[in-house]
Amino acid sequence: MNTATDLLTSSLANFLNIYLLLIFVRILLSWFQTAGWAQQGMSYLSPITDPYLNIFRSFIPPLGGIDLSPILAIFSLQIISSLLTSF
């Protein structure tokens, strides 16, 4: 039973780390909005990452055109991932 729990927590932690990477890529692509290749990447990543980021955008609205909500979103994913790996 313990190995099943370990497998589940490590799988969930790995999923969160992959999702964290997708959020980082999404953030980097948003810096290159005028490039065609960035638009294509954003069209794939936006439906995956925006629902999670929108949760934090409701708490922290963009300030002067700068969206600070990904910082809180990344921070919370890292905390959850570290809690899962500490068990």
N, C-alpha and C. Protein backbone atom coordinates (compact mmCIF):
# COMPACT_ATOMS: atom_id res chain seq x y z
N MET A 1 0.82 -1.20 0.00
CA MET A 1 0.00 0.00 0.00
C MET A 1 0.86 1.26 0.00
N ASN A 2 1.98 1.20 0.69
CA ASN A 2 2.86 2.37 0.78
C ASN A 2 3.46 2.71 -0.57
N THR A 3 3.79 1.70 -1.38
CA THR A 3 4.37 1.99 -2.68
C THR A 3 3.34 2.63 -3.62
N ALA A 4 2.07 2.25 -3.48
CA ALA A 4 1.03 2.87 -4.30
C ALA A 4 0.88 4.34 -3.94
N THR A 5 0.94 4.65 -2.66
CA THR A 5 0.85 6.04 -2.22
C THR A 5 2.06 6.83 -2.69
N ASP A 6 3.24 6.22 -2.60
CA ASP A 6 4.45 6.88 -3.07
C ASP A 6 4.39 7.14 -4.57
N LEU A 7 3.88 6.16 -5.30
CA LEU A 7 3.76 6.31 -6.75
C LEU A 7 2.78 7.43 -7.10
N LEU A 8 1.68 7.48 -6.39
CA LEU A 8 0.68 8.52 -6.65
C LEU A 8 1.22 9.91 -6.33
N THR A 9 1.87 10.07 -5.19
CA THR A 9 2.39 11.39 -4.83
C THR A 9 3.52 11.82 -5.75
N SER A 10 4.39 10.89 -6.14
CA SER A 10 5.47 11.28 -7.05
C SER A 10 4.93 11.58 -8.44
N SER A 11 3.91 10.86 -8.88
CA SER A 11 3.31 11.15 -10.18
C SER A 11 2.64 12.51 -10.18
N LEU A 12 1.94 12.82 -9.10
CA LEU A 12 1.29 14.12 -8.99
C LEU A 12 2.32 15.25 -8.92
N ALA A 13 3.40 15.03 -8.20
CA ALA A 13 4.46 16.03 -8.13
C ALA A 13 5.11 16.24 -9.49
N ASN A 14 5.31 15.16 -10.23
CA ASN A 14 5.88 15.28 -11.58
C ASN A 14 4.93 16.02 -12.51
N PHE A 15 3.62 15.75 -12.40
CA PHE A 15 2.65 16.47 -13.20
C PHE A 15 2.69 17.96 -12.89
N LEU A 16 2.77 18.30 -11.61
CA LEU A 16 2.82 19.72 -11.23
C LEU A 16 4.07 20.39 -11.76
N ASN A 17 5.18 19.67 -11.76
CA ASN A 17 6.42 20.24 -12.30
C ASN A 17 6.32 20.46 -13.81
N ILE A 18 5.68 19.54 -14.52
CA ILE A 18 5.48 19.73 -15.96
C ILE A 18 4.55 20.91 -16.22
N TYR A 19 3.49 21.01 -15.42
CA TYR A 19 2.56 22.13 -15.56
C TYR A 19 3.27 23.46 -15.25
N LEU A 20 4.15 23.44 -14.28
CA LEU A 20 4.94 24.62 -13.96
C LEU A 20 5.80 25.03 -15.14
N LEU A 21 6.39 24.06 -15.80
CA LEU A 21 7.19 24.34 -16.99
C LEU A 21 6.33 24.94 -18.10
N LEU A 22 5.11 24.43 -18.28
CA LEU A 22 4.21 24.98 -19.29
C LEU A 22 3.85 26.43 -18.97
N ILE A 23 3.67 26.73 -17.70
CA ILE A 23 3.37 28.12 -17.31
C ILE A 23 4.57 29.02 -17.59
N PHE A 24 5.79 28.55 -17.31
CA PHE A 24 6.98 29.34 -17.63
C PHE A 24 7.08 29.61 -19.12
N VAL A 25 6.84 28.59 -19.93
CA VAL A 25 6.90 28.77 -21.38
C VAL A 25 5.83 29.75 -21.83
N ARG A 26 4.65 29.64 -21.26
CA ARG A 26 3.54 30.57 -21.58
C ARG A 26 3.92 32.00 -21.26
N ILE A 27 4.56 32.21 -20.12
CA ILE A 27 4.98 33.55 -19.73
C ILE A 27 6.04 34.09 -20.69
N LEU A 28 7.01 33.25 -21.03
CA LEU A 28 8.05 33.69 -21.95
C LEU A 28 7.49 34.01 -23.33
N LEU A 29 6.55 33.20 -23.80
CA LEU A 29 5.95 33.46 -25.12
C LEU A 29 5.13 34.74 -25.12
N SER A 30 4.58 35.12 -23.98
CA SER A 30 3.79 36.35 -23.93
C SER A 30 4.67 37.59 -24.13
N TRP A 31 5.97 37.45 -23.94
CA TRP A 31 6.87 38.58 -24.17
C TRP A 31 7.10 38.83 -25.66
N PHE A 32 6.83 37.83 -26.50
CA PHE A 32 7.07 37.93 -27.94
C PHE A 32 5.75 37.84 -28.70
N GLN A 33 4.79 38.67 -28.33
CA GLN A 33 3.45 38.58 -28.91
C GLN A 33 3.41 38.93 -30.39
N THR A 34 4.37 39.68 -30.87
CA THR A 34 4.34 40.07 -32.28
C THR A 34 4.95 39.01 -33.19
N ALA A 35 5.70 38.07 -32.64
CA ALA A 35 6.31 37.02 -33.45
C ALA A 35 5.28 35.96 -33.80
N GLY A 36 5.30 35.51 -35.02
CA GLY A 36 4.34 34.51 -35.48
C GLY A 36 4.48 33.19 -34.75
N TRP A 37 5.72 32.77 -34.52
CA TRP A 37 5.93 31.50 -33.84
C TRP A 37 5.46 31.56 -32.39
N ALA A 38 5.52 32.71 -31.78
CA ALA A 38 5.04 32.85 -30.40
C ALA A 38 3.52 32.78 -30.35
N GLN A 39 2.87 33.34 -31.36
CA GLN A 39 1.40 33.29 -31.42
C GLN A 39 0.91 31.85 -31.52
N GLN A 40 1.62 31.05 -32.30
CA GLN A 40 1.22 29.65 -32.46
C GLN A 40 1.40 28.89 -31.15
N GLY A 41 2.50 29.12 -30.47
CA GLY A 41 2.72 28.48 -29.18
C GLY A 41 1.71 28.92 -28.13
N MET A 42 1.37 30.21 -28.14
CA MET A 42 0.38 30.72 -27.20
C MET A 42 -0.99 30.12 -27.46
N SER A 43 -1.31 29.88 -28.71
CA SER A 43 -2.63 29.32 -29.02
C SER A 43 -2.77 27.90 -28.48
N TYR A 44 -1.66 27.18 -28.36
CA TYR A 44 -1.69 25.84 -27.78
C TYR A 44 -1.67 25.87 -26.25
N LEU A 45 -0.90 26.79 -25.68
CA LEU A 45 -0.72 26.80 -24.23
C LEU A 45 -1.80 27.56 -23.48
N SER A 46 -2.40 28.54 -24.11
CA SER A 46 -3.41 29.35 -23.41
C SER A 46 -4.58 28.53 -22.87
N PRO A 47 -5.18 27.63 -23.65
CA PRO A 47 -6.29 26.85 -23.08
C PRO A 47 -5.87 25.93 -21.94
N ILE A 48 -4.60 25.60 -21.88
CA ILE A 48 -4.12 24.71 -20.82
C ILE A 48 -3.78 25.49 -19.55
N THR A 49 -3.14 26.64 -19.70
CA THR A 49 -2.64 27.36 -18.54
C THR A 49 -3.55 28.48 -18.05
N ASP A 50 -4.32 29.08 -18.94
CA ASP A 50 -5.13 30.23 -18.54
C ASP A 50 -6.20 29.93 -17.48
N PRO A 51 -6.86 28.76 -17.49
CA PRO A 51 -7.83 28.53 -16.41
C PRO A 51 -7.19 28.59 -15.02
N TYR A 52 -5.99 28.05 -14.89
CA TYR A 52 -5.30 28.11 -13.59
C TYR A 52 -4.83 29.54 -13.29
N LEU A 53 -4.29 30.22 -14.27
CA LEU A 53 -3.81 31.59 -14.06
C LEU A 53 -4.96 32.56 -13.78
N ASN A 54 -6.13 32.29 -14.36
CA ASN A 54 -7.28 33.17 -14.13
C ASN A 54 -7.74 33.16 -12.68
N ILE A 55 -7.50 32.07 -11.98
CA ILE A 55 -7.83 32.02 -10.55
C ILE A 55 -7.05 33.10 -9.81
N PHE A 56 -5.79 33.26 -10.14
CA PHE A 56 -4.95 34.24 -9.46
C PHE A 56 -5.16 35.65 -10.01
N ARG A 57 -5.59 35.74 -11.26
CA ARG A 57 -5.88 37.06 -11.82
C ARG A 57 -7.10 37.69 -11.15
N SER A 58 -7.98 36.88 -10.59
CA SER A 58 -9.13 37.44 -9.88
C SER A 58 -8.70 38.07 -8.56
N PHE A 59 -7.58 37.60 -7.99
CA PHE A 59 -7.06 38.19 -6.75
C PHE A 59 -6.13 39.36 -7.02
N ILE A 60 -5.32 39.24 -8.06
CA ILE A 60 -4.33 40.26 -8.38
C ILE A 60 -4.59 40.75 -9.81
N PRO A 61 -5.28 41.86 -9.98
CA PRO A 61 -5.51 42.36 -11.34
C PRO A 61 -4.20 42.92 -11.91
N PRO A 62 -4.08 42.96 -13.23
CA PRO A 62 -2.87 43.53 -13.84
C PRO A 62 -2.68 44.99 -13.42
N LEU A 63 -1.46 45.32 -13.07
CA LEU A 63 -1.13 46.67 -12.61
C LEU A 63 -0.29 47.36 -13.68
N GLY A 64 -0.86 48.35 -14.32
CA GLY A 64 -0.13 49.11 -15.33
C GLY A 64 0.31 48.27 -16.51
N GLY A 65 -0.49 47.30 -16.90
CA GLY A 65 -0.14 46.44 -18.02
C GLY A 65 0.76 45.28 -17.66
N ILE A 66 1.13 45.15 -16.40
CA ILE A 66 1.99 44.05 -15.95
C ILE A 66 1.14 43.09 -15.13
N ASP A 67 1.13 41.83 -15.55
CA ASP A 67 0.35 40.80 -14.87
C ASP A 67 1.24 40.10 -13.86
N LEU A 68 0.98 40.31 -12.59
CA LEU A 68 1.78 39.71 -11.53
C LEU A 68 1.20 38.41 -11.00
N SER A 69 0.04 38.02 -11.51
CA SER A 69 -0.60 36.80 -11.02
C SER A 69 0.21 35.53 -11.27
N PRO A 70 0.99 35.41 -12.36
CA PRO A 70 1.78 34.19 -12.52
C PRO A 70 2.79 33.96 -11.40
N ILE A 71 3.24 35.02 -10.78
CA ILE A 71 4.19 34.85 -9.67
C ILE A 71 3.54 34.08 -8.54
N LEU A 72 2.33 34.47 -8.18
CA LEU A 72 1.60 33.77 -7.12
C LEU A 72 1.22 32.36 -7.56
N ALA A 73 0.86 32.20 -8.81
CA ALA A 73 0.51 30.88 -9.33
C ALA A 73 1.71 29.93 -9.30
N ILE A 74 2.86 30.41 -9.71
CA ILE A 74 4.07 29.59 -9.68
C ILE A 74 4.48 29.27 -8.25
N PHE A 75 4.39 30.25 -7.40
CA PHE A 75 4.74 30.04 -5.99
C PHE A 75 3.86 28.98 -5.36
N SER A 76 2.56 29.03 -5.63
CA SER A 76 1.66 28.04 -5.03
C SER A 76 1.91 26.64 -5.60
N LEU A 77 2.22 26.54 -6.90
CA LEU A 77 2.54 25.23 -7.47
C LEU A 77 3.81 24.65 -6.86
N GLN A 78 4.79 25.50 -6.62
CA GLN A 78 6.03 25.02 -6.02
C GLN A 78 5.81 24.56 -4.59
N ILE A 79 4.97 25.24 -3.86
CA ILE A 79 4.68 24.83 -2.47
C ILE A 79 3.96 23.49 -2.47
N ILE A 80 2.97 23.33 -3.32
CA ILE A 80 2.23 22.08 -3.37
C ILE A 80 3.15 20.94 -3.80
N SER A 81 3.99 21.18 -4.78
CA SER A 81 4.92 20.15 -5.24
C SER A 81 5.92 19.76 -4.16
N SER A 82 6.42 20.73 -3.43
CA SER A 82 7.37 20.42 -2.36
C SER A 82 6.69 19.70 -1.21
N LEU A 83 5.42 20.02 -0.94
CA LEU A 83 4.70 19.29 0.10
C LEU A 83 4.47 17.84 -0.30
N LEU A 84 4.21 17.61 -1.58
CA LEU A 84 4.00 16.23 -2.03
C LEU A 84 5.29 15.42 -1.97
N THR A 85 6.41 16.04 -2.31
CA THR A 85 7.66 15.30 -2.29
C THR A 85 8.22 15.12 -0.88
N SER A 86 7.74 15.89 0.06
CA SER A 86 8.25 15.75 1.44
C SER A 86 7.62 14.57 2.17
N PHE A 87 6.51 14.03 1.65
CA PHE A 87 5.87 12.88 2.30
C PHE A 87 6.57 11.62 1.98
